[in-house]
Amino acid sequence: MPIRSLPRRAATAAVALVLTLGLAACSGSGADSTAGSSMEMSDGDTAADEAAAVADDNGLEQDATSSVVDREVIVRGYVTIVSAEPTATSAALIRLVEQAGGHVEERHENPGDEGSPGWAELTFRVPADRTSSAVEALHDLGTVQDLEMSSTDVTSQGQDLDARISALTTSTARLSELLASAGSTADLLEVERELSQRQAELDSLAAQRESLSDQVAMSTIHVRIEAPAEQLTAPRGGFTGGLATGWNAFVATVETVVLVFGVLLPWLAVATVGFVVYRLVRRRVGTPPPGQSGGNGSPGSGPDDGSGGPDGPATTEHDREPELVR
């Protein structure tokens, strides 16, 4: 028994050794493949990270470019032009605005008179990309006395309106779907009320956005055109200057007298008519009626007037009865 067991033990040991070497080889190859795959995965992750970084950089550049392109600015201007003929300059300015693709919103003109110079005021709008050229063209119409331009950045305001409009649009769409699938009358009324409120807000925001976009697209320019002020000249000296000054003073005096006479003439006419009426009334009241006795042998005297007659003695001044003095 002992002699026969030795070959069996040797064979068993040999089989165990072969199996051990095979397992070691398999584990070594598996480890190598696992390490290789780990390295490949690490390299893939690194490449993905680099690609993501490049994409982020490109996205930032695109965002920066889009922010520059989408920048919204409202431009307003105020200009004062001095021209000898404000009305004609106003007409030329209107033609210039129409050629630039704009339009006139307000127009006020005053041709003036001898006492005051004429003037004109216009408010026009031109495309934003042609604002600079339109302002430069104003120098050809006259002397630009004052020029003021202002810019207001409303990019954030426009983006806020866009976001709110987008949210309300999505909300109204969902409410419309709920309205179509409402199961009861109460739900239907509730959804309709909410939908009406959201739609009103959406319309209001859309109107604000449209107005803002219009102000950005079209610049507004206010222009005032004035006539040049009259220059004051110093009076001339010498005999000629004195003669001219005296003549001007004489003309001014005559004009003043004529003016005063013209003002007083209606009052003088009324006063003259009143005086004539007063004289006529006083003369009629002061004349005695016919047949009334009078003194000094005046016509209408009778036998009782104290002159005496053939039938009786003449009465004297002392015999007369005193007359009442009226």
C-alpha atoms as a PDB file:
ATOM      1  CA  MET A   1       0.000   0.000   0.000  1.00  0.00           C
ATOM      2  CA  PRO A   2       2.702   2.524   0.798  1.00  0.00           C
ATOM      3  CA  ILE A   3       4.628   1.744  -2.355  1.00  0.00           C
ATOM      4  CA  ARG A   4       1.554   2.130  -4.583  1.00  0.00           C
ATOM      5  CA  SER A   5       0.456   5.461  -3.043  1.00  0.00           C
ATOM      6  CA  LEU A   6       3.572   7.340  -4.109  1.00  0.00           C
ATOM      7  CA  PRO A   7       2.790   7.460  -7.844  1.00  0.00           C
ATOM      8  CA  ARG A   8      -0.724   8.689  -7.071  1.00  0.00           C
ATOM      9  CA  ARG A   9       0.536  11.461  -4.875  1.00  0.00           C
ATOM     10  CA  ALA A  10       3.027  12.547  -7.498  1.00  0.00           C
ATOM     11  CA  ALA A  11       0.356  12.615 -10.168  1.00  0.00           C
ATOM     12  CA  THR A  12      -1.962  14.613  -7.958  1.00  0.00           C
ATOM     13  CA  ALA A  13       0.771  17.125  -7.224  1.00  0.00           C
ATOM     14  CA  ALA A  14       1.535  17.511 -10.933  1.00  0.00           C
ATOM     15  CA  VAL A  15      -2.102  18.154 -11.777  1.00  0.00           C
ATOM     16  CA  ALA A  16      -2.340  20.723  -9.005  1.00  0.00           C
ATOM     17  CA  LEU A  17       0.782  22.492 -10.277  1.00  0.00           C
ATOM     18  CA  VAL A  18      -0.571  22.655 -13.820  1.00  0.00           C
ATOM     19  CA  LEU A  19      -3.869  24.076 -12.618  1.00  0.00           C
ATOM     20  CA  THR A  20      -2.085  26.666 -10.504  1.00  0.00           C
ATOM     21  CA  LEU A  21       0.045  27.850 -13.413  1.00  0.00           C
ATOM     22  CA  GLY A  22      -2.999  28.065 -15.642  1.00  0.00           C
ATOM     23  CA  LEU A  23      -4.918  30.115 -13.130  1.00  0.00           C
ATOM     24  CA  ALA A  24      -1.952  32.445 -12.676  1.00  0.00           C
ATOM     25  CA  ALA A  25      -1.683  32.965 -16.412  1.00  0.00           C
ATOM     26  CA  CYS A  26      -5.377  33.712 -16.700  1.00  0.00           C
ATOM     27  CA  SER A  27      -5.309  36.136 -13.822  1.00  0.00           C
ATOM     28  CA  GLY A  28      -2.292  37.888 -15.314  1.00  0.00           C
ATOM     29  CA  SER A  29      -3.948  38.324 -18.690  1.00  0.00           C
ATOM     30  CA  GLY A  30      -7.153  39.522 -17.018  1.00  0.00           C
ATOM     31  CA  ALA A  31      -5.254  42.064 -15.002  1.00  0.00           C
ATOM     32  CA  ASP A  32      -3.482  43.285 -18.118  1.00  0.00           C
ATOM     33  CA  SER A  33      -6.765  43.635 -19.986  1.00  0.00           C
ATOM     34  CA  THR A  34      -8.361  45.388 -17.027  1.00  0.00           C
ATOM     35  CA  ALA A  35      -5.459  47.818 -16.773  1.00  0.00           C
ATOM     36  CA  GLY A  36      -5.618  48.447 -20.496  1.00  0.00           C
ATOM     37  CA  SER A  37      -9.308  49.129 -20.434  1.00  0.00           C
ATOM     38  CA  SER A  38      -8.850  51.400 -17.418  1.00  0.00           C
ATOM     39  CA  MET A  39      -6.214  53.391 -19.276  1.00  0.00           C
ATOM     40  CA  GLU A  40      -8.458  53.610 -22.317  1.00  0.00           C
ATOM     41  CA  MET A  41     -11.362  54.843 -20.211  1.00  0.00           C
ATOM     42  CA  SER A  42      -9.139  57.424 -18.530  1.00  0.00           C
ATOM     43  CA  ASP A  43      -7.941  58.671 -21.906  1.00  0.00           C
ATOM     44  CA  GLY A  44     -11.550  58.870 -23.127  1.00  0.00           C
ATOM     45  CA  ASP A  45     -12.624  60.873 -20.098  1.00  0.00           C
ATOM     46  CA  THR A  46      -9.757  63.306 -20.575  1.00  0.00           C
ATOM     47  CA  ALA A  47     -10.684  63.809 -24.220  1.00  0.00           C
ATOM     48  CA  ALA A  48     -14.317  64.336 -23.287  1.00  0.00           C
ATOM     49  CA  ASP A  49     -13.334  66.902 -20.682  1.00  0.00           C
ATOM     50  CA  GLU A  50     -11.166  68.741 -23.195  1.00  0.00           C
ATOM     51  CA  ALA A  51     -13.997  68.698 -25.744  1.00  0.00           C
ATOM     52  CA  ALA A  52     -16.424  70.005 -23.151  1.00  0.00           C
ATOM     53  CA  ALA A  53     -14.000  72.789 -22.231  1.00  0.00           C
ATOM     54  CA  VAL A  54     -13.601  73.741 -25.877  1.00  0.00           C
ATOM     55  CA  ALA A  55     -17.370  73.700 -26.319  1.00  0.00           C
ATOM     56  CA  ASP A  56     -17.803  75.906 -23.260  1.00  0.00           C
ATOM     57  CA  ASP A  57     -15.237  78.366 -24.611  1.00  0.00           C
ATOM     58  CA  ASN A  58     -17.001  78.446 -27.953  1.00  0.00           C
ATOM     59  CA  GLY A  59     -20.330  78.925 -26.206  1.00  0.00           C
ATOM     60  CA  LEU A  60     -18.976  81.843 -24.187  1.00  0.00           C
ATOM     61  CA  GLU A  61     -17.602  83.427 -27.341  1.00  0.00           C
ATOM     62  CA  GLN A  62     -20.940  82.961 -29.081  1.00  0.00           C
ATOM     63  CA  ASP A  63     -22.779  84.425 -26.091  1.00  0.00           C
ATOM     64  CA  ALA A  64     -20.452  87.409 -26.055  1.00  0.00           C
ATOM     65  CA  THR A  65     -20.920  87.913 -29.766  1.00  0.00           C
ATOM     66  CA  SER A  66     -24.696  87.573 -29.500  1.00  0.00           C
ATOM     67  CA  SER A  67     -24.773  90.022 -26.586  1.00  0.00           C
ATOM     68  CA  VAL A  68     -22.946  92.591 -28.704  1.00  0.00           C
ATOM     69  CA  VAL A  69     -25.201  92.014 -31.711  1.00  0.00           C
ATOM     70  CA  ASP A  70     -28.432  91.970 -29.714  1.00  0.00           C
ATOM     71  CA  ARG A  71     -27.594  95.126 -27.733  1.00  0.00           C
ATOM     72  CA  GLU A  72     -30.654  97.400 -27.791  1.00  0.00           C
ATOM     73  CA  VAL A  73     -30.112 101.153 -27.540  1.00  0.00           C
ATOM     74  CA  ILE A  74     -32.609 104.015 -27.772  1.00  0.00           C
ATOM     75  CA  VAL A  75     -31.141 107.159 -29.361  1.00  0.00           C
ATOM     76  CA  ARG A  76     -32.621 110.642 -28.933  1.00  0.00           C
ATOM     77  CA  GLY A  77     -31.325 113.977 -30.149  1.00  0.00           C
ATOM     78  CA  TYR A  78     -31.992 117.708 -29.770  1.00  0.00           C
ATOM     79  CA  VAL A  79     -30.708 120.125 -32.417  1.00  0.00           C
ATOM     80  CA  THR A  80     -31.021 123.897 -32.877  1.00  0.00           C
ATOM     81  CA  ILE A  81     -30.384 125.330 -36.358  1.00  0.00           C
ATOM     82  CA  VAL A  82     -30.085 129.010 -37.297  1.00  0.00           C
ATOM     83  CA  SER A  83     -31.371 129.799 -40.778  1.00  0.00           C
ATOM     84  CA  ALA A  84     -32.479 132.969 -42.542  1.00  0.00           C
ATOM     85  CA  GLU A  85     -35.643 131.239 -43.805  1.00  0.00           C
ATOM     86  CA  PRO A  86     -36.949 128.798 -41.169  1.00  0.00           C
ATOM     87  CA  THR A  87     -39.966 127.759 -43.228  1.00  0.00           C
ATOM     88  CA  ALA A  88     -37.929 126.844 -46.306  1.00  0.00           C
ATOM     89  CA  THR A  89     -35.366 125.043 -44.145  1.00  0.00           C
ATOM     90  CA  SER A  90     -38.183 123.066 -42.529  1.00  0.00           C
ATOM     91  CA  ALA A  91     -39.398 121.883 -45.935  1.00  0.00           C
ATOM     92  CA  ALA A  92     -35.853 120.868 -46.908  1.00  0.00           C
ATOM     93  CA  LEU A  93     -35.482 118.940 -43.646  1.00  0.00           C
ATOM     94  CA  ILE A  94     -38.679 117.015 -44.297  1.00  0.00           C
ATOM     95  CA  ARG A  95     -37.385 115.941 -47.708  1.00  0.00           C
ATOM     96  CA  LEU A  96     -34.119 114.854 -46.112  1.00  0.00           C
ATOM     97  CA  VAL A  97     -35.919 112.736 -43.506  1.00  0.00           C
ATOM     98  CA  GLU A  98     -38.068 111.032 -46.115  1.00  0.00           C
ATOM     99  CA  GLN A  99     -34.998 110.215 -48.211  1.00  0.00           C
ATOM    100  CA  ALA A 100     -33.405 108.603 -45.151  1.00  0.00           C
ATOM    101  CA  GLY A 101     -36.408 106.317 -44.695  1.00  0.00           C
ATOM    102  CA  GLY A 102     -37.891 108.195 -41.748  1.00  0.00           C
ATOM    103  CA  HIS A 103     -41.024 110.211 -41.115  1.00  0.00           C
ATOM    104  CA  VAL A 104     -42.091 113.415 -39.344  1.00  0.00           C
ATOM    105  CA  GLU A 105     -44.207 113.014 -36.212  1.00  0.00           C
ATOM    106  CA  GLU A 106     -44.721 116.685 -35.236  1.00  0.00           C
ATOM    107  CA  ARG A 107     -44.362 119.960 -37.113  1.00  0.00           C
ATOM    108  CA  HIS A 108     -44.918 123.548 -35.933  1.00  0.00           C
ATOM    109  CA  GLU A 109     -44.089 126.656 -37.954  1.00  0.00           C
ATOM    110  CA  ASN A 110     -44.378 130.413 -37.443  1.00  0.00           C
ATOM    111  CA  PRO A 111     -43.452 132.651 -40.398  1.00  0.00           C
ATOM    112  CA  GLY A 112     -42.989 135.648 -38.080  1.00  0.00           C
ATOM    113  CA  ASP A 113     -43.649 139.325 -38.738  1.00  0.00           C
ATOM    114  CA  GLU A 114     -41.892 142.664 -38.496  1.00  0.00           C
ATOM    115  CA  GLY A 115     -41.723 142.522 -34.719  1.00  0.00           C
ATOM    116  CA  SER A 116     -40.652 138.908 -34.236  1.00  0.00           C
ATOM    117  CA  PRO A 117     -38.561 136.506 -36.322  1.00  0.00           C
ATOM    118  CA  GLY A 118     -39.985 133.263 -37.642  1.00  0.00           C
ATOM    119  CA  TRP A 119     -39.242 129.795 -36.340  1.00  0.00           C
ATOM    120  CA  ALA A 120     -40.072 126.130 -36.946  1.00  0.00           C
ATOM    121  CA  GLU A 121     -40.025 122.994 -34.797  1.00  0.00           C
ATOM    122  CA  LEU A 122     -40.028 119.404 -36.031  1.00  0.00           C
ATOM    123  CA  THR A 123     -39.876 115.977 -34.411  1.00  0.00           C
ATOM    124  CA  PHE A 124     -38.846 113.251 -36.822  1.00  0.00           C
ATOM    125  CA  ARG A 125     -37.719 109.637 -36.629  1.00  0.00           C
ATOM    126  CA  VAL A 126     -35.112 107.903 -38.747  1.00  0.00           C
ATOM    127  CA  PRO A 127     -33.744 104.329 -38.754  1.00  0.00           C
ATOM    128  CA  ALA A 128     -31.143 103.793 -36.041  1.00  0.00           C
ATOM    129  CA  ASP A 129     -28.430 102.829 -38.528  1.00  0.00           C
ATOM    130  CA  ARG A 130     -28.897 106.137 -40.386  1.00  0.00           C
ATOM    131  CA  THR A 131     -28.986 108.455 -37.385  1.00  0.00           C
ATOM    132  CA  SER A 132     -25.395 109.628 -37.698  1.00  0.00           C
ATOM    133  CA  SER A 133     -25.674 110.433 -41.396  1.00  0.00           C
ATOM    134  CA  ALA A 134     -28.968 112.269 -40.851  1.00  0.00           C
ATOM    135  CA  VAL A 135     -27.460 114.410 -38.090  1.00  0.00           C
ATOM    136  CA  GLU A 136     -24.436 115.211 -40.240  1.00  0.00           C
ATOM    137  CA  ALA A 137     -26.750 116.286 -43.063  1.00  0.00           C
ATOM    138  CA  LEU A 138     -28.313 118.913 -40.787  1.00  0.00           C
ATOM    139  CA  HIS A 139     -25.145 121.000 -41.139  1.00  0.00           C
ATOM    140  CA  ASP A 140     -26.015 121.545 -44.803  1.00  0.00           C
ATOM    141  CA  LEU A 141     -29.350 123.170 -43.912  1.00  0.00           C
ATOM    142  CA  GLY A 142     -27.975 125.980 -41.754  1.00  0.00           C
ATOM    143  CA  THR A 143     -25.760 126.790 -38.804  1.00  0.00           C
ATOM    144  CA  VAL A 144     -26.052 124.122 -36.109  1.00  0.00           C
ATOM    145  CA  GLN A 145     -26.075 126.128 -32.881  1.00  0.00           C
ATOM    146  CA  ASP A 146     -26.834 123.369 -30.356  1.00  0.00           C
ATOM    147  CA  LEU A 147     -26.504 119.592 -30.685  1.00  0.00           C
ATOM    148  CA  GLU A 148     -27.280 117.063 -27.971  1.00  0.00           C
ATOM    149  CA  MET A 149     -27.471 113.286 -28.474  1.00  0.00           C
ATOM    150  CA  SER A 150     -28.313 110.707 -25.817  1.00  0.00           C
ATOM    151  CA  SER A 151     -28.289 106.889 -25.810  1.00  0.00           C
ATOM    152  CA  THR A 152     -30.164 104.611 -23.410  1.00  0.00           C
ATOM    153  CA  ASP A 153     -29.323 100.910 -23.209  1.00  0.00           C
ATOM    154  CA  VAL A 154     -32.516  98.861 -22.783  1.00  0.00           C
ATOM    155  CA  THR A 155     -31.087  95.411 -23.459  1.00  0.00           C
ATOM    156  CA  SER A 156     -31.946  94.061 -20.009  1.00  0.00           C
ATOM    157  CA  GLN A 157     -35.445  95.478 -20.227  1.00  0.00           C
ATOM    158  CA  GLY A 158     -35.990  93.786 -23.593  1.00  0.00           C
ATOM    159  CA  GLN A 159     -34.674  90.463 -22.313  1.00  0.00           C
ATOM    160  CA  ASP A 160     -36.943  90.645 -19.279  1.00  0.00           C
ATOM    161  CA  LEU A 161     -39.955  91.304 -21.470  1.00  0.00           C
ATOM    162  CA  ASP A 162     -39.009  88.431 -23.775  1.00  0.00           C
ATOM    163  CA  ALA A 163     -38.717  86.018 -20.835  1.00  0.00           C
ATOM    164  CA  ARG A 164     -42.051  87.062 -19.376  1.00  0.00           C
ATOM    165  CA  ILE A 165     -43.744  86.812 -22.755  1.00  0.00           C
ATOM    166  CA  SER A 166     -42.316  83.348 -23.300  1.00  0.00           C
ATOM    167  CA  ALA A 167     -43.495  82.153 -19.879  1.00  0.00           C
ATOM    168  CA  LEU A 168     -46.970  83.591 -20.360  1.00  0.00           C
ATOM    169  CA  THR A 169     -47.211  82.058 -23.823  1.00  0.00           C
ATOM    170  CA  THR A 170     -46.432  78.616 -22.413  1.00  0.00           C
ATOM    171  CA  SER A 171     -48.874  79.163 -19.545  1.00  0.00           C
ATOM    172  CA  THR A 172     -51.710  80.213 -21.839  1.00  0.00           C
ATOM    173  CA  ALA A 173     -51.069  77.190 -24.056  1.00  0.00           C
ATOM    174  CA  ARG A 174     -51.359  74.855 -21.081  1.00  0.00           C
ATOM    175  CA  LEU A 175     -54.480  76.603 -19.864  1.00  0.00           C
ATOM    176  CA  SER A 176     -55.990  76.217 -23.315  1.00  0.00           C
ATOM    177  CA  GLU A 177     -55.349  72.483 -23.133  1.00  0.00           C
ATOM    178  CA  LEU A 178     -56.930  72.347 -19.673  1.00  0.00           C
ATOM    179  CA  LEU A 179     -59.893  74.293 -20.952  1.00  0.00           C
ATOM    180  CA  ALA A 180     -60.468  71.718 -23.651  1.00  0.00           C
ATOM    181  CA  SER A 181     -60.340  68.873 -21.141  1.00  0.00           C
ATOM    182  CA  ALA A 182     -62.310  70.462 -18.294  1.00  0.00           C
ATOM    183  CA  GLY A 183     -64.633  67.923 -16.707  1.00  0.00           C
ATOM    184  CA  SER A 184     -67.026  70.186 -14.811  1.00  0.00           C
ATOM    185  CA  THR A 185     -68.571  73.596 -15.121  1.00  0.00           C
ATOM    186  CA  ALA A 186     -66.698  74.902 -12.069  1.00  0.00           C
ATOM    187  CA  ASP A 187     -63.365  73.791 -13.533  1.00  0.00           C
ATOM    188  CA  LEU A 188     -64.299  75.298 -16.874  1.00  0.00           C
ATOM    189  CA  LEU A 189     -65.106  78.697 -15.329  1.00  0.00           C
ATOM    190  CA  GLU A 190     -61.954  78.685 -13.237  1.00  0.00           C
ATOM    191  CA  VAL A 191     -59.754  77.873 -16.215  1.00  0.00           C
ATOM    192  CA  GLU A 192     -61.455  80.515 -18.363  1.00  0.00           C
ATOM    193  CA  ARG A 193     -60.927  83.172 -15.703  1.00  0.00           C
ATOM    194  CA  GLU A 194     -57.268  82.300 -15.312  1.00  0.00           C
ATOM    195  CA  LEU A 195     -56.796  82.120 -19.069  1.00  0.00           C
ATOM    196  CA  SER A 196     -58.359  85.540 -19.580  1.00  0.00           C
ATOM    197  CA  GLN A 197     -56.084  87.062 -16.949  1.00  0.00           C
ATOM    198  CA  ARG A 198     -52.970  85.496 -18.431  1.00  0.00           C
ATOM    199  CA  GLN A 199     -53.972  86.533 -21.949  1.00  0.00           C
ATOM    200  CA  ALA A 200     -54.468  90.143 -20.844  1.00  0.00           C
ATOM    201  CA  GLU A 201     -51.023  90.171 -19.239  1.00  0.00           C
ATOM    202  CA  LEU A 202     -49.545  88.637 -22.365  1.00  0.00           C
ATOM    203  CA  ASP A 203     -51.132  91.263 -24.617  1.00  0.00           C
ATOM    204  CA  SER A 204     -49.875  94.062 -22.372  1.00  0.00           C
ATOM    205  CA  LEU A 205     -46.327  92.740 -22.358  1.00  0.00           C
ATOM    206  CA  ALA A 206     -46.434  92.227 -26.117  1.00  0.00           C
ATOM    207  CA  ALA A 207     -47.479  95.856 -26.593  1.00  0.00           C
ATOM    208  CA  GLN A 208     -44.652  97.039 -24.335  1.00  0.00           C
ATOM    209  CA  ARG A 209     -42.173  94.932 -26.244  1.00  0.00           C
ATOM    210  CA  GLU A 210     -43.401  96.259 -29.568  1.00  0.00           C
ATOM    211  CA  SER A 211     -43.083  99.842 -28.371  1.00  0.00           C
ATOM    212  CA  LEU A 212     -39.597  99.220 -27.026  1.00  0.00           C
ATOM    213  CA  SER A 213     -38.494  97.574 -30.257  1.00  0.00           C
ATOM    214  CA  ASP A 214     -39.883 100.504 -32.247  1.00  0.00           C
ATOM    215  CA  GLN A 215     -37.936 102.992 -30.130  1.00  0.00           C
ATOM    216  CA  VAL A 216     -34.769 100.973 -30.646  1.00  0.00           C
ATOM    217  CA  ALA A 217     -35.274 100.613 -34.387  1.00  0.00           C
ATOM    218  CA  MET A 218     -36.124 104.301 -34.996  1.00  0.00           C
ATOM    219  CA  SER A 219     -34.198 107.187 -33.426  1.00  0.00           C
ATOM    220  CA  THR A 220     -36.102 110.315 -32.381  1.00  0.00           C
ATOM    221  CA  ILE A 221     -34.667 113.762 -33.220  1.00  0.00           C
ATOM    222  CA  HIS A 222     -36.141 117.125 -32.142  1.00  0.00           C
ATOM    223  CA  VAL A 223     -35.078 120.079 -34.308  1.00  0.00           C
ATOM    224  CA  ARG A 224     -35.770 123.788 -33.754  1.00  0.00           C
ATOM    225  CA  ILE A 225     -35.038 126.195 -36.606  1.00  0.00           C
ATOM    226  CA  GLU A 226     -34.653 129.875 -35.697  1.00  0.00           C
ATOM    227  CA  ALA A 227     -34.001 133.019 -37.692  1.00  0.00           C
ATOM    228  CA  PRO A 228     -30.777 134.901 -36.923  1.00  0.00           C
ATOM    229  CA  ALA A 229     -31.097 137.655 -34.333  1.00  0.00           C
ATOM    230  CA  GLU A 230     -30.922 141.237 -35.612  1.00  0.00           C
ATOM    231  CA  GLN A 231     -27.515 142.805 -35.121  1.00  0.00           C
ATOM    232  CA  LEU A 232     -27.389 146.094 -33.180  1.00  0.00           C
ATOM    233  CA  THR A 233     -25.452 148.832 -35.020  1.00  0.00           C
ATOM    234  CA  ALA A 234     -23.896 151.833 -33.306  1.00  0.00           C
ATOM    235  CA  PRO A 235     -25.295 155.262 -34.278  1.00  0.00           C
ATOM    236  CA  ARG A 236     -23.280 157.270 -36.773  1.00  0.00           C
ATOM    237  CA  GLY A 237     -21.483 160.384 -35.589  1.00  0.00           C
ATOM    238  CA  GLY A 238     -21.036 163.869 -37.073  1.00  0.00           C
ATOM    239  CA  PHE A 239     -23.579 166.089 -38.779  1.00  0.00           C
ATOM    240  CA  THR A 240     -25.072 163.256 -40.816  1.00  0.00           C
ATOM    241  CA  GLY A 241     -25.498 161.081 -37.743  1.00  0.00           C
ATOM    242  CA  GLY A 242     -27.090 163.935 -35.798  1.00  0.00           C
ATOM    243  CA  LEU A 243     -29.429 164.727 -38.668  1.00  0.00           C
ATOM    244  CA  ALA A 244     -30.471 161.084 -38.920  1.00  0.00           C
ATOM    245  CA  THR A 245     -31.009 160.903 -35.163  1.00  0.00           C
ATOM    246  CA  GLY A 246     -33.079 164.097 -35.181  1.00  0.00           C
ATOM    247  CA  TRP A 247     -35.186 162.916 -38.099  1.00  0.00           C
ATOM    248  CA  ASN A 248     -35.833 159.590 -36.426  1.00  0.00           C
ATOM    249  CA  ALA A 249     -36.856 161.388 -33.248  1.00  0.00           C
ATOM    250  CA  PHE A 250     -39.175 163.706 -35.210  1.00  0.00           C
ATOM    251  CA  VAL A 251     -40.795 160.753 -36.976  1.00  0.00           C
ATOM    252  CA  ALA A 252     -41.217 158.947 -33.676  1.00  0.00           C
ATOM    253  CA  THR A 253     -42.815 162.063 -32.143  1.00  0.00           C
ATOM    254  CA  VAL A 254     -45.233 162.478 -35.044  1.00  0.00           C
ATOM    255  CA  GLU A 255     -46.173 158.846 -34.839  1.00  0.00           C
ATOM    256  CA  THR A 256     -46.785 159.204 -31.115  1.00  0.00           C
ATOM    257  CA  VAL A 257     -48.948 162.308 -31.595  1.00  0.00           C
ATOM    258  CA  VAL A 258     -50.964 160.629 -34.345  1.00  0.00           C
ATOM    259  CA  LEU A 259     -51.415 157.623 -32.128  1.00  0.00           C
ATOM    260  CA  VAL A 260     -52.636 159.725 -29.218  1.00  0.00           C
ATOM    261  CA  PHE A 261     -54.964 161.705 -31.487  1.00  0.00           C
ATOM    262  CA  GLY A 262     -56.380 158.481 -32.886  1.00  0.00           C
ATOM    263  CA  VAL A 263     -57.022 157.223 -29.365  1.00  0.00           C
ATOM    264  CA  LEU A 264     -58.689 160.486 -28.248  1.00  0.00           C
ATOM    265  CA  LEU A 265     -60.695 161.145 -31.442  1.00  0.00           C
ATOM    266  CA  PRO A 266     -63.727 159.005 -30.477  1.00  0.00           C
ATOM    267  CA  TRP A 267     -63.862 160.671 -27.060  1.00  0.00           C
ATOM    268  CA  LEU A 268     -63.591 164.136 -28.608  1.00  0.00           C
ATOM    269  CA  ALA A 269     -66.498 163.369 -30.943  1.00  0.00           C
ATOM    270  CA  VAL A 270     -68.675 162.220 -28.061  1.00  0.00           C
ATOM    271  CA  ALA A 271     -67.725 165.319 -26.036  1.00  0.00           C
ATOM    272  CA  THR A 272     -68.562 167.642 -28.961  1.00  0.00           C
ATOM    273  CA  VAL A 273     -72.007 166.132 -29.468  1.00  0.00           C
ATOM    274  CA  GLY A 274     -72.699 166.437 -25.756  1.00  0.00           C
ATOM    275  CA  PHE A 275     -71.658 170.075 -25.695  1.00  0.00           C
ATOM    276  CA  VAL A 276     -73.909 170.962 -28.665  1.00  0.00           C
ATOM    277  CA  VAL A 277     -76.899 169.268 -27.035  1.00  0.00           C
ATOM    278  CA  TYR A 278     -76.223 171.096 -23.786  1.00  0.00           C
ATOM    279  CA  ARG A 279     -76.159 174.528 -25.534  1.00  0.00           C
ATOM    280  CA  LEU A 280     -79.411 173.873 -27.376  1.00  0.00           C
ATOM    281  CA  VAL A 281     -81.233 172.824 -24.219  1.00  0.00           C
ATOM    282  CA  ARG A 282     -79.973 175.812 -22.260  1.00  0.00           C
ATOM    283  CA  ARG A 283     -81.001 178.315 -24.989  1.00  0.00           C
ATOM    284  CA  ARG A 284     -84.513 176.885 -25.165  1.00  0.00           C
ATOM    285  CA  VAL A 285     -84.969 177.054 -21.397  1.00  0.00           C
ATOM    286  CA  GLY A 286     -83.632 180.649 -21.113  1.00  0.00           C
ATOM    287  CA  THR A 287     -85.909 182.283 -23.835  1.00  0.00           C
ATOM    288  CA  PRO A 288     -89.212 183.907 -22.376  1.00  0.00           C
ATOM    289  CA  PRO A 289     -92.539 182.921 -23.972  1.00  0.00           C
ATOM    290  CA  PRO A 290     -94.353 185.409 -26.298  1.00  0.00           C
ATOM    291  CA  GLY A 291     -96.643 188.034 -24.572  1.00  0.00           C
ATOM    292  CA  GLN A 292     -94.611 188.138 -21.383  1.00  0.00           C
ATOM    293  CA  SER A 293     -93.865 191.707 -20.271  1.00  0.00           C
ATOM    294  CA  GLY A 294     -90.450 192.969 -20.590  1.00  0.00           C
ATOM    295  CA  GLY A 295     -88.588 196.083 -19.713  1.00  0.00           C
ATOM    296  CA  ASN A 296     -87.266 199.029 -21.721  1.00  0.00           C
ATOM    297  CA  GLY A 297     -90.162 199.269 -24.252  1.00  0.00           C
ATOM    298  CA  SER A 298     -89.670 195.824 -25.590  1.00  0.00           C
ATOM    299  CA  PRO A 299     -92.304 194.379 -27.873  1.00  0.00           C
ATOM    300  CA  GLY A 300     -95.339 192.976 -26.152  1.00  0.00           C
ATOM    301  CA  SER A 301     -95.556 195.738 -23.535  1.00  0.00           C
ATOM    302  CA  GLY A 302     -99.136 196.861 -22.691  1.00  0.00           C
ATOM    303  CA  PRO A 303    -100.877 199.688 -20.940  1.00  0.00           C
ATOM    304  CA  ASP A 304    -100.044 198.249 -17.557  1.00  0.00           C
ATOM    305  CA  ASP A 305     -96.352 198.261 -18.129  1.00  0.00           C
ATOM    306  CA  GLY A 306     -95.943 201.687 -16.454  1.00  0.00           C
ATOM    307  CA  SER A 307     -95.599 203.774 -19.559  1.00  0.00           C
ATOM    308  CA  GLY A 308     -98.891 205.695 -19.026  1.00  0.00           C
ATOM    309  CA  GLY A 309    -101.720 206.394 -21.403  1.00  0.00           C
ATOM    310  CA  PRO A 310    -104.273 209.020 -22.313  1.00  0.00           C
ATOM    311  CA  ASP A 311    -106.809 207.914 -19.711  1.00  0.00           C
ATOM    312  CA  GLY A 312    -104.612 207.962 -16.668  1.00  0.00           C
ATOM    313  CA  PRO A 313    -101.409 209.167 -15.236  1.00  0.00           C
ATOM    314  CA  ALA A 314     -98.289 207.221 -15.816  1.00  0.00           C
ATOM    315  CA  THR A 315     -97.095 205.177 -12.942  1.00  0.00           C
ATOM    316  CA  THR A 316     -93.636 205.576 -11.585  1.00  0.00           C
ATOM    317  CA  GLU A 317     -91.116 203.009 -10.473  1.00  0.00           C
ATOM    318  CA  HIS A 318     -92.136 203.519  -6.842  1.00  0.00           C
ATOM    319  CA  ASP A 319     -95.798 202.883  -7.630  1.00  0.00           C
ATOM    320  CA  ARG A 320     -95.136 199.541  -9.165  1.00  0.00           C
ATOM    321  CA  GLU A 321     -95.527 196.376  -7.194  1.00  0.00           C
ATOM    322  CA  PRO A 322     -92.333 194.631  -6.643  1.00  0.00           C
ATOM    323  CA  GLU A 323     -91.890 191.599  -8.853  1.00  0.00           C
ATOM    324  CA  LEU A 324     -90.683 188.353  -7.530  1.00  0.00           C
ATOM    325  CA  VAL A 325     -87.269 187.544  -8.716  1.00  0.00           C
ATOM    326  CA  ARG A 326     -87.167 184.140 -10.059  1.00  0.00           C
END
